[in-house]
Amino acid sequence: TSHIIVTFALAALIFLGVTLIGFIKHGAKFLKFFVPEGVPLVMLPLLVVIEVISYLTRPLSLSVRLFAKGERKL
């Protein structure tokens, strides 16, 4: 984990695996993950965009955290 590209590749692999397993197990219902329950219809488009951005930035966040943890040990 001393190279950020390695941690990014590991995080991307996990991200793709989790997404694929989610679609295999739940089908299209997996997309309900992006729609919080009880949200007024007026706020729904904004919240879906925020949730999708959050979901897509997780691999980057995870890779940076893994990289930083690996650097601290040196």
N, C-alpha and C. Protein backbone atom coordinates (compact mmCIF):
# COMPACT_ATOMS: atom_id res chain seq x y z
N THR A 1 0.82 -1.21 0.00
CA THR A 1 0.00 0.00 0.00
C THR A 1 0.85 1.26 0.00
N SER A 2 2.09 1.15 -0.42
CA SER A 2 2.95 2.33 -0.43
C SER A 2 2.74 3.17 -1.69
N HIS A 3 2.01 2.65 -2.67
CA HIS A 3 1.69 3.41 -3.89
C HIS A 3 0.19 3.62 -3.94
N ILE A 4 -0.21 4.85 -4.18
CA ILE A 4 -1.64 5.17 -4.14
C ILE A 4 -2.41 4.47 -5.26
N ILE A 5 -1.77 4.18 -6.38
CA ILE A 5 -2.47 3.50 -7.47
C ILE A 5 -2.85 2.08 -7.07
N VAL A 6 -2.04 1.44 -6.24
CA VAL A 6 -2.36 0.09 -5.77
C VAL A 6 -3.58 0.14 -4.86
N THR A 7 -3.60 1.09 -3.94
CA THR A 7 -4.75 1.19 -3.05
C THR A 7 -6.01 1.60 -3.82
N PHE A 8 -5.84 2.45 -4.84
CA PHE A 8 -7.00 2.82 -5.65
C PHE A 8 -7.53 1.62 -6.42
N ALA A 9 -6.65 0.81 -6.96
CA ALA A 9 -7.08 -0.38 -7.70
C ALA A 9 -7.81 -1.35 -6.77
N LEU A 10 -7.29 -1.54 -5.57
CA LEU A 10 -7.96 -2.42 -4.60
C LEU A 10 -9.34 -1.87 -4.23
N ALA A 11 -9.43 -0.58 -3.99
CA ALA A 11 -10.70 0.03 -3.62
C ALA A 11 -11.69 -0.05 -4.79
N ALA A 12 -11.22 0.17 -6.01
CA ALA A 12 -12.10 0.09 -7.19
C ALA A 12 -12.60 -1.34 -7.39
N LEU A 13 -11.74 -2.31 -7.15
CA LEU A 13 -12.13 -3.71 -7.28
C LEU A 13 -13.23 -4.05 -6.28
N ILE A 14 -13.07 -3.63 -5.05
CA ILE A 14 -14.09 -3.87 -4.03
C ILE A 14 -15.39 -3.14 -4.39
N PHE A 15 -15.27 -1.91 -4.84
CA PHE A 15 -16.44 -1.11 -5.24
C PHE A 15 -17.22 -1.82 -6.35
N LEU A 16 -16.52 -2.27 -7.38
CA LEU A 16 -17.18 -2.96 -8.49
C LEU A 16 -17.79 -4.28 -8.02
N GLY A 17 -17.09 -5.00 -7.17
CA GLY A 17 -17.62 -6.25 -6.64
C GLY A 17 -18.88 -6.07 -5.84
N VAL A 18 -18.88 -5.09 -4.96
CA VAL A 18 -20.04 -4.81 -4.12
C VAL A 18 -21.23 -4.38 -4.99
N THR A 19 -20.98 -3.53 -5.97
CA THR A 19 -22.04 -3.07 -6.86
C THR A 19 -22.61 -4.24 -7.68
N LEU A 20 -21.73 -5.07 -8.19
CA LEU A 20 -22.17 -6.23 -8.97
C LEU A 20 -22.98 -7.20 -8.11
N ILE A 21 -22.50 -7.50 -6.93
CA ILE A 21 -23.23 -8.40 -6.03
C ILE A 21 -24.58 -7.79 -5.64
N GLY A 22 -24.61 -6.48 -5.44
CA GLY A 22 -25.87 -5.80 -5.13
C GLY A 22 -26.90 -5.97 -6.24
N PHE A 23 -26.46 -5.81 -7.49
CA PHE A 23 -27.38 -5.99 -8.61
C PHE A 23 -27.77 -7.45 -8.80
N ILE A 24 -26.85 -8.36 -8.56
CA ILE A 24 -27.17 -9.79 -8.69
C ILE A 24 -28.20 -10.21 -7.65
N LYS A 25 -28.00 -9.79 -6.40
CA LYS A 25 -28.90 -10.21 -5.33
C LYS A 25 -30.25 -9.49 -5.35
N HIS A 26 -30.24 -8.19 -5.71
CA HIS A 26 -31.44 -7.38 -5.57
C HIS A 26 -32.01 -6.88 -6.90
N GLY A 27 -31.30 -7.05 -7.98
CA GLY A 27 -31.77 -6.57 -9.28
C GLY A 27 -31.89 -5.05 -9.29
N ALA A 28 -32.93 -4.57 -9.95
CA ALA A 28 -33.14 -3.12 -10.06
C ALA A 28 -33.50 -2.49 -8.70
N LYS A 29 -33.93 -3.30 -7.75
CA LYS A 29 -34.25 -2.76 -6.42
C LYS A 29 -33.00 -2.23 -5.73
N PHE A 30 -31.82 -2.59 -6.22
CA PHE A 30 -30.57 -2.06 -5.66
C PHE A 30 -30.52 -0.54 -5.78
N LEU A 31 -31.19 0.01 -6.79
CA LEU A 31 -31.18 1.46 -6.99
C LEU A 31 -31.97 2.20 -5.91
N LYS A 32 -32.80 1.50 -5.16
CA LYS A 32 -33.51 2.13 -4.04
C LYS A 32 -32.54 2.57 -2.96
N PHE A 33 -31.32 2.07 -3.03
CA PHE A 33 -30.26 2.47 -2.10
C PHE A 33 -30.00 3.98 -2.17
N PHE A 34 -30.29 4.57 -3.33
CA PHE A 34 -30.03 5.99 -3.54
C PHE A 34 -31.21 6.87 -3.17
N VAL A 35 -32.32 6.28 -2.76
CA VAL A 35 -33.51 7.04 -2.42
C VAL A 35 -33.83 6.82 -0.94
N PRO A 36 -33.49 7.78 -0.09
CA PRO A 36 -33.81 7.63 1.33
C PRO A 36 -35.32 7.55 1.55
N GLU A 37 -35.72 6.77 2.52
CA GLU A 37 -37.14 6.57 2.79
C GLU A 37 -37.76 7.80 3.44
N GLY A 38 -38.97 8.13 3.03
CA GLY A 38 -39.71 9.23 3.64
C GLY A 38 -39.32 10.61 3.14
N VAL A 39 -38.65 10.70 2.01
CA VAL A 39 -38.21 11.99 1.47
C VAL A 39 -39.35 12.61 0.66
N PRO A 40 -39.62 13.89 0.88
CA PRO A 40 -40.63 14.56 0.05
C PRO A 40 -40.21 14.57 -1.42
N LEU A 41 -41.18 14.45 -2.33
CA LEU A 41 -40.88 14.37 -3.76
C LEU A 41 -40.11 15.59 -4.27
N VAL A 42 -40.33 16.74 -3.64
CA VAL A 42 -39.64 17.97 -4.08
C VAL A 42 -38.13 17.85 -3.88
N MET A 43 -37.72 17.19 -2.80
CA MET A 43 -36.29 17.08 -2.48
C MET A 43 -35.63 15.85 -3.11
N LEU A 44 -36.42 14.96 -3.67
CA LEU A 44 -35.91 13.69 -4.18
C LEU A 44 -34.81 13.84 -5.23
N PRO A 45 -34.95 14.69 -6.25
CA PRO A 45 -33.87 14.80 -7.25
C PRO A 45 -32.54 15.24 -6.65
N LEU A 46 -32.57 16.19 -5.74
CA LEU A 46 -31.35 16.68 -5.12
C LEU A 46 -30.70 15.59 -4.27
N LEU A 47 -31.50 14.88 -3.50
CA LEU A 47 -30.95 13.84 -2.64
C LEU A 47 -30.40 12.66 -3.43
N VAL A 48 -31.03 12.32 -4.54
CA VAL A 48 -30.53 11.23 -5.38
C VAL A 48 -29.17 11.61 -5.95
N VAL A 49 -29.03 12.83 -6.41
CA VAL A 49 -27.74 13.29 -6.94
C VAL A 49 -26.67 13.24 -5.85
N ILE A 50 -26.98 13.70 -4.66
CA ILE A 50 -26.03 13.68 -3.55
C ILE A 50 -25.64 12.25 -3.21
N GLU A 51 -26.61 11.34 -3.16
CA GLU A 51 -26.33 9.94 -2.83
C GLU A 51 -25.47 9.27 -3.90
N VAL A 52 -25.72 9.55 -5.16
CA VAL A 52 -24.93 8.96 -6.25
C VAL A 52 -23.49 9.47 -6.20
N ILE A 53 -23.32 10.76 -5.99
CA ILE A 53 -21.97 11.32 -5.87
C ILE A 53 -21.25 10.70 -4.68
N SER A 54 -21.94 10.56 -3.58
CA SER A 54 -21.34 9.94 -2.40
C SER A 54 -20.92 8.51 -2.68
N TYR A 55 -21.77 7.75 -3.36
CA TYR A 55 -21.47 6.36 -3.67
C TYR A 55 -20.28 6.24 -4.63
N LEU A 56 -20.19 7.14 -5.59
CA LEU A 56 -19.11 7.08 -6.58
C LEU A 56 -17.76 7.55 -6.03
N THR A 57 -17.77 8.37 -4.99
CA THR A 57 -16.51 8.86 -4.43
C THR A 57 -15.94 7.94 -3.36
N ARG A 58 -16.67 6.90 -2.98
CA ARG A 58 -16.18 5.98 -1.96
C ARG A 58 -14.87 5.30 -2.32
N PRO A 59 -14.67 4.83 -3.56
CA PRO A 59 -13.38 4.19 -3.87
C PRO A 59 -12.20 5.15 -3.70
N LEU A 60 -12.38 6.40 -4.10
CA LEU A 60 -11.30 7.38 -3.93
C LEU A 60 -11.01 7.62 -2.46
N SER A 61 -12.06 7.78 -1.67
CA SER A 61 -11.89 7.99 -0.23
C SER A 61 -11.21 6.79 0.42
N LEU A 62 -11.64 5.58 0.08
CA LEU A 62 -11.05 4.38 0.65
C LEU A 62 -9.59 4.24 0.25
N SER A 63 -9.26 4.55 -1.00
CA SER A 63 -7.87 4.41 -1.44
C SER A 63 -6.96 5.41 -0.72
N VAL A 64 -7.43 6.62 -0.51
CA VAL A 64 -6.62 7.61 0.19
C VAL A 64 -6.41 7.20 1.65
N ARG A 65 -7.46 6.66 2.29
CA ARG A 65 -7.32 6.21 3.67
C ARG A 65 -6.36 5.03 3.77
N LEU A 66 -6.45 4.08 2.84
CA LEU A 66 -5.53 2.95 2.85
C LEU A 66 -4.09 3.41 2.61
N PHE A 67 -3.91 4.34 1.70
CA PHE A 67 -2.59 4.87 1.39
C PHE A 67 -2.00 5.58 2.61
N ALA A 68 -2.80 6.40 3.27
CA ALA A 68 -2.32 7.14 4.44
C ALA A 68 -1.97 6.20 5.58
N LYS A 69 -2.75 5.16 5.76
CA LYS A 69 -2.45 4.19 6.83
C LYS A 69 -1.15 3.45 6.52
N GLY A 70 -0.94 3.12 5.24
CA GLY A 70 0.30 2.43 4.85
C GLY A 70 1.52 3.32 5.00
N GLU A 71 1.37 4.60 4.72
CA GLU A 71 2.49 5.54 4.84
C GLU A 71 2.87 5.78 6.30
N ARG A 72 1.90 5.73 7.19
CA ARG A 72 2.15 6.00 8.59
C ARG A 72 3.05 4.93 9.21
N LYS A 73 2.98 3.70 8.70
CA LYS A 73 3.75 2.61 9.25
C LYS A 73 5.22 2.69 8.89
N LEU A 74 5.55 3.43 7.82
CA LEU A 74 6.94 3.52 7.39
C LEU A 74 7.73 4.35 8.31
